[in-house]
Amino acid sequence: MSHIESPWTRLASRTARALLTRKGATYEDAVIALRSIGVRDSPKSLELRVQRGSLKFSSFLQLLCALHADLPCEFQRVVEERDSWESACQRLVLDLLTQNAISLDELARRLDESGIHINTTQVQSLVSKGSFSLAFLLQVGYVLPIRALERYVDLSDIAKAASESVLTP
């Protein structure tokens, strides 16, 4: 799959790099920490995904856990109750939608109205599999603020990525 740089992938990259910096971890350190929770990766692969902003949200959650970052209550609960990392990601989005009484259709509509062109079928597929990028979660955070993200990224930066993506053809 080819990589397409966008304001969202740049923000996802900065968010992941900031986590590594805050925890004082190199890519090698992160891979060693990931192994301690049963996740296999290579420093080069991790670095490439972080630099491109193509990191899956499940990988970001894994990094948070492996590096012993303080987790917001919402993240802590889904991580503790997970069957898999993808199920934790799925549960996080579904809980967010339930708390805000919003359907997947409405989420897709809001994303589309905000210039994030994704249809309901695509949103349903991403969420049902729990396999979506950190960039996608940041986009969701734009149309449906996720307070738990504030620990890792400023909401003003999310809004800036949204405005820049509208200006970018």
C-alpha atoms as a PDB file:
ATOM      1  CA  MET A   1       0.000   0.000   0.000  1.00  0.00           C
ATOM      2  CA  SER A   2       1.404   3.376  -0.963  1.00  0.00           C
ATOM      3  CA  HIS A   3       1.808   6.161   1.534  1.00  0.00           C
ATOM      4  CA  ILE A   4       0.024   9.463   1.053  1.00  0.00           C
ATOM      5  CA  GLU A   5       1.307  12.314   3.180  1.00  0.00           C
ATOM      6  CA  SER A   6      -1.341  14.631   4.586  1.00  0.00           C
ATOM      7  CA  PRO A   7      -1.794  17.001   7.505  1.00  0.00           C
ATOM      8  CA  TRP A   8      -3.321  14.028   9.354  1.00  0.00           C
ATOM      9  CA  THR A   9      -0.368  11.706   8.810  1.00  0.00           C
ATOM     10  CA  ARG A  10       2.026  14.489   9.810  1.00  0.00           C
ATOM     11  CA  LEU A  11       0.043  15.006  13.023  1.00  0.00           C
ATOM     12  CA  ALA A  12      -0.014  11.262  13.719  1.00  0.00           C
ATOM     13  CA  SER A  13       3.747  11.193  13.221  1.00  0.00           C
ATOM     14  CA  ARG A  14       4.307  14.101  15.617  1.00  0.00           C
ATOM     15  CA  THR A  15       1.999  12.496  18.180  1.00  0.00           C
ATOM     16  CA  ALA A  16       3.885   9.187  18.140  1.00  0.00           C
ATOM     17  CA  ARG A  17       7.308  10.882  18.108  1.00  0.00           C
ATOM     18  CA  ALA A  18       6.251  13.043  21.060  1.00  0.00           C
ATOM     19  CA  LEU A  19       5.347   9.916  23.027  1.00  0.00           C
ATOM     20  CA  LEU A  20       8.759   8.391  22.361  1.00  0.00           C
ATOM     21  CA  THR A  21      10.456  11.660  23.305  1.00  0.00           C
ATOM     22  CA  ARG A  22       8.424  12.065  26.500  1.00  0.00           C
ATOM     23  CA  LYS A  23       9.346   8.538  27.547  1.00  0.00           C
ATOM     24  CA  GLY A  24      12.994   9.019  26.535  1.00  0.00           C
ATOM     25  CA  ALA A  25      12.792   6.016  24.225  1.00  0.00           C
ATOM     26  CA  THR A  26      14.633   5.339  21.004  1.00  0.00           C
ATOM     27  CA  TYR A  27      13.073   3.085  18.383  1.00  0.00           C
ATOM     28  CA  GLU A  28      15.325   0.279  19.653  1.00  0.00           C
ATOM     29  CA  ASP A  29      14.122   0.901  23.233  1.00  0.00           C
ATOM     30  CA  ALA A  30      10.517   0.887  22.051  1.00  0.00           C
ATOM     31  CA  VAL A  31      10.942  -2.436  20.231  1.00  0.00           C
ATOM     32  CA  ILE A  32      12.494  -4.019  23.332  1.00  0.00           C
ATOM     33  CA  ALA A  33       9.603  -2.688  25.441  1.00  0.00           C
ATOM     34  CA  LEU A  34       7.083  -3.980  22.892  1.00  0.00           C
ATOM     35  CA  ARG A  35       8.646  -7.458  23.112  1.00  0.00           C
ATOM     36  CA  SER A  36       7.974  -7.399  26.858  1.00  0.00           C
ATOM     37  CA  ILE A  37       4.229  -7.279  26.096  1.00  0.00           C
ATOM     38  CA  GLY A  38       4.434  -9.902  23.367  1.00  0.00           C
ATOM     39  CA  VAL A  39       4.589  -7.615  20.334  1.00  0.00           C
ATOM     40  CA  ARG A  40       7.298  -8.261  17.755  1.00  0.00           C
ATOM     41  CA  ASP A  41       8.587  -5.421  15.628  1.00  0.00           C
ATOM     42  CA  SER A  42      11.859  -4.108  14.282  1.00  0.00           C
ATOM     43  CA  PRO A  43      13.321  -0.683  14.991  1.00  0.00           C
ATOM     44  CA  LYS A  44      13.442   0.178  11.282  1.00  0.00           C
ATOM     45  CA  SER A  45       9.831  -0.879  10.633  1.00  0.00           C
ATOM     46  CA  LEU A  46       8.569   1.023  13.670  1.00  0.00           C
ATOM     47  CA  GLU A  47      10.572   4.106  12.739  1.00  0.00           C
ATOM     48  CA  LEU A  48       9.247   4.049   9.178  1.00  0.00           C
ATOM     49  CA  ARG A  49       5.611   3.783  10.318  1.00  0.00           C
ATOM     50  CA  VAL A  50       6.074   6.539  12.907  1.00  0.00           C
ATOM     51  CA  GLN A  51       7.889   8.887  10.509  1.00  0.00           C
ATOM     52  CA  ARG A  52       5.248   8.377   7.817  1.00  0.00           C
ATOM     53  CA  GLY A  53       2.378   8.766  10.253  1.00  0.00           C
ATOM     54  CA  SER A  54       1.028   5.399   9.127  1.00  0.00           C
ATOM     55  CA  LEU A  55       1.088   3.850  12.601  1.00  0.00           C
ATOM     56  CA  LYS A  56      -2.050   1.900  13.460  1.00  0.00           C
ATOM     57  CA  PHE A  57      -3.880   3.068  16.555  1.00  0.00           C
ATOM     58  CA  SER A  58      -3.402  -0.445  17.975  1.00  0.00           C
ATOM     59  CA  SER A  59       0.371   0.077  17.655  1.00  0.00           C
ATOM     60  CA  PHE A  60       0.076   3.428  19.427  1.00  0.00           C
ATOM     61  CA  LEU A  61      -1.836   1.736  22.274  1.00  0.00           C
ATOM     62  CA  GLN A  62       0.854  -0.946  22.414  1.00  0.00           C
ATOM     63  CA  LEU A  63       3.541   1.729  22.656  1.00  0.00           C
ATOM     64  CA  LEU A  64       1.641   3.486  25.428  1.00  0.00           C
ATOM     65  CA  CYS A  65       1.449   0.239  27.398  1.00  0.00           C
ATOM     66  CA  ALA A  66       4.965  -0.999  26.647  1.00  0.00           C
ATOM     67  CA  LEU A  67       6.530   2.344  27.577  1.00  0.00           C
ATOM     68  CA  HIS A  68       4.426   2.538  30.760  1.00  0.00           C
ATOM     69  CA  ALA A  69       2.767   5.802  29.790  1.00  0.00           C
ATOM     70  CA  ASP A  70      -0.037   6.979  32.032  1.00  0.00           C
ATOM     71  CA  LEU A  71      -3.266   5.959  30.329  1.00  0.00           C
ATOM     72  CA  PRO A  72      -6.501   7.932  30.490  1.00  0.00           C
ATOM     73  CA  CYS A  73      -9.323   5.956  32.141  1.00  0.00           C
ATOM     74  CA  GLU A  74     -10.983   5.298  28.772  1.00  0.00           C
ATOM     75  CA  PHE A  75      -7.809   3.777  27.347  1.00  0.00           C
ATOM     76  CA  GLN A  76      -6.962   1.858  30.525  1.00  0.00           C
ATOM     77  CA  ARG A  77     -10.347   0.157  30.629  1.00  0.00           C
ATOM     78  CA  VAL A  78     -10.344  -1.014  27.012  1.00  0.00           C
ATOM     79  CA  VAL A  79      -6.748  -2.232  27.291  1.00  0.00           C
ATOM     80  CA  GLU A  80      -7.489  -4.229  30.443  1.00  0.00           C
ATOM     81  CA  GLU A  81     -10.658  -5.773  28.983  1.00  0.00           C
ATOM     82  CA  ARG A  82      -9.306  -6.482  25.491  1.00  0.00           C
ATOM     83  CA  ASP A  83      -9.339  -9.807  23.688  1.00  0.00           C
ATOM     84  CA  SER A  84      -6.873  -8.315  21.213  1.00  0.00           C
ATOM     85  CA  TRP A  85      -5.376  -4.911  20.520  1.00  0.00           C
ATOM     86  CA  GLU A  86      -7.820  -4.485  17.662  1.00  0.00           C
ATOM     87  CA  SER A  87     -10.753  -5.257  19.970  1.00  0.00           C
ATOM     88  CA  ALA A  88      -9.513  -2.531  22.321  1.00  0.00           C
ATOM     89  CA  CYS A  89      -9.467  -0.054  19.423  1.00  0.00           C
ATOM     90  CA  GLN A  90     -12.930  -1.110  18.308  1.00  0.00           C
ATOM     91  CA  ARG A  91     -14.321  -0.847  21.838  1.00  0.00           C
ATOM     92  CA  LEU A  92     -12.832   2.619  22.329  1.00  0.00           C
ATOM     93  CA  VAL A  93     -14.582   4.026  19.242  1.00  0.00           C
ATOM     94  CA  LEU A  94     -17.861   2.205  19.895  1.00  0.00           C
ATOM     95  CA  ASP A  95     -17.903   3.440  23.504  1.00  0.00           C
ATOM     96  CA  LEU A  96     -17.240   6.973  22.303  1.00  0.00           C
ATOM     97  CA  LEU A  97     -20.136   6.748  19.858  1.00  0.00           C
ATOM     98  CA  THR A  98     -22.443   5.305  22.522  1.00  0.00           C
ATOM     99  CA  GLN A  99     -21.532   8.016  25.042  1.00  0.00           C
ATOM    100  CA  ASN A 100     -22.381  10.663  22.461  1.00  0.00           C
ATOM    101  CA  ALA A 101     -25.445   8.850  21.062  1.00  0.00           C
ATOM    102  CA  ILE A 102     -23.933   8.861  17.577  1.00  0.00           C
ATOM    103  CA  SER A 103     -24.155   6.074  15.000  1.00  0.00           C
ATOM    104  CA  LEU A 104     -21.424   4.995  12.607  1.00  0.00           C
ATOM    105  CA  ASP A 105     -23.520   6.554   9.829  1.00  0.00           C
ATOM    106  CA  GLU A 106     -23.538   9.876  11.668  1.00  0.00           C
ATOM    107  CA  LEU A 107     -19.799   9.634  12.298  1.00  0.00           C
ATOM    108  CA  ALA A 108     -19.194   9.061   8.576  1.00  0.00           C
ATOM    109  CA  ARG A 109     -21.467  12.005   7.740  1.00  0.00           C
ATOM    110  CA  ARG A 110     -19.612  14.309  10.149  1.00  0.00           C
ATOM    111  CA  LEU A 111     -16.248  13.213   8.785  1.00  0.00           C
ATOM    112  CA  ASP A 112     -17.425  13.850   5.228  1.00  0.00           C
ATOM    113  CA  GLU A 113     -18.824  17.280   6.118  1.00  0.00           C
ATOM    114  CA  SER A 114     -15.450  18.134   7.636  1.00  0.00           C
ATOM    115  CA  GLY A 115     -13.634  17.346   4.411  1.00  0.00           C
ATOM    116  CA  ILE A 116     -12.522  13.879   5.500  1.00  0.00           C
ATOM    117  CA  HIS A 117     -13.925  11.874   2.634  1.00  0.00           C
ATOM    118  CA  ILE A 118     -14.803   8.428   3.879  1.00  0.00           C
ATOM    119  CA  ASN A 119     -18.097   6.647   3.399  1.00  0.00           C
ATOM    120  CA  THR A 120     -20.197   4.768   5.918  1.00  0.00           C
ATOM    121  CA  THR A 121     -19.098   1.376   4.611  1.00  0.00           C
ATOM    122  CA  GLN A 122     -15.438   2.301   5.055  1.00  0.00           C
ATOM    123  CA  VAL A 123     -16.035   3.641   8.569  1.00  0.00           C
ATOM    124  CA  GLN A 124     -17.970   0.507   9.519  1.00  0.00           C
ATOM    125  CA  SER A 125     -15.206  -1.709   8.160  1.00  0.00           C
ATOM    126  CA  LEU A 126     -12.426   0.144   9.975  1.00  0.00           C
ATOM    127  CA  VAL A 127     -14.266   0.211  13.291  1.00  0.00           C
ATOM    128  CA  SER A 128     -15.631  -3.351  13.123  1.00  0.00           C
ATOM    129  CA  LYS A 129     -12.122  -4.712  12.527  1.00  0.00           C
ATOM    130  CA  GLY A 130     -10.548  -2.320  15.037  1.00  0.00           C
ATOM    131  CA  SER A 131      -7.849  -1.869  12.437  1.00  0.00           C
ATOM    132  CA  PHE A 132      -7.451   1.825  11.785  1.00  0.00           C
ATOM    133  CA  SER A 133      -4.625   4.289  11.829  1.00  0.00           C
ATOM    134  CA  LEU A 134      -3.755   6.769  14.523  1.00  0.00           C
ATOM    135  CA  ALA A 135      -4.487   9.403  11.856  1.00  0.00           C
ATOM    136  CA  PHE A 136      -8.058   8.081  11.535  1.00  0.00           C
ATOM    137  CA  LEU A 137      -8.569   8.299  15.300  1.00  0.00           C
ATOM    138  CA  LEU A 138      -7.302  11.889  15.214  1.00  0.00           C
ATOM    139  CA  GLN A 139      -9.844  12.604  12.461  1.00  0.00           C
ATOM    140  CA  VAL A 140     -12.577  11.090  14.611  1.00  0.00           C
ATOM    141  CA  GLY A 141     -11.283  13.281  17.430  1.00  0.00           C
ATOM    142  CA  TYR A 142     -11.882  16.324  15.270  1.00  0.00           C
ATOM    143  CA  VAL A 143     -15.573  15.652  14.656  1.00  0.00           C
ATOM    144  CA  LEU A 144     -16.190  14.058  18.039  1.00  0.00           C
ATOM    145  CA  PRO A 145     -13.693  15.379  20.589  1.00  0.00           C
ATOM    146  CA  ILE A 146     -11.904  12.619  22.471  1.00  0.00           C
ATOM    147  CA  ARG A 147     -10.759  14.221  25.709  1.00  0.00           C
ATOM    148  CA  ALA A 148      -8.429  11.293  26.397  1.00  0.00           C
ATOM    149  CA  LEU A 149      -6.339  12.348  23.383  1.00  0.00           C
ATOM    150  CA  GLU A 150      -5.501  15.692  25.007  1.00  0.00           C
ATOM    151  CA  ARG A 151      -2.777  13.937  26.971  1.00  0.00           C
ATOM    152  CA  TYR A 152      -0.966  13.175  23.704  1.00  0.00           C
ATOM    153  CA  VAL A 153      -1.960  15.886  21.230  1.00  0.00           C
ATOM    154  CA  ASP A 154      -3.391  19.386  21.521  1.00  0.00           C
ATOM    155  CA  LEU A 155      -6.948  19.742  20.281  1.00  0.00           C
ATOM    156  CA  SER A 156      -5.833  22.919  18.516  1.00  0.00           C
ATOM    157  CA  ASP A 157      -3.374  20.831  16.486  1.00  0.00           C
ATOM    158  CA  ILE A 158      -6.202  18.484  15.508  1.00  0.00           C
ATOM    159  CA  ALA A 159      -8.243  21.490  14.363  1.00  0.00           C
ATOM    160  CA  LYS A 160      -5.226  22.829  12.449  1.00  0.00           C
ATOM    161  CA  ALA A 161      -4.753  19.486  10.640  1.00  0.00           C
ATOM    162  CA  ALA A 162      -8.429  19.581   9.693  1.00  0.00           C
ATOM    163  CA  SER A 163      -8.194  23.108   8.290  1.00  0.00           C
ATOM    164  CA  GLU A 164      -4.975  22.301   6.412  1.00  0.00           C
ATOM    165  CA  SER A 165      -6.477  19.156   4.912  1.00  0.00           C
ATOM    166  CA  VAL A 166      -9.424  21.149   3.550  1.00  0.00           C
ATOM    167  CA  LEU A 167      -6.973  23.510   1.846  1.00  0.00           C
ATOM    168  CA  THR A 168      -4.902  20.633   0.415  1.00  0.00           C
ATOM    169  CA  PRO A 169      -6.310  19.179  -2.807  1.00  0.00           C
END
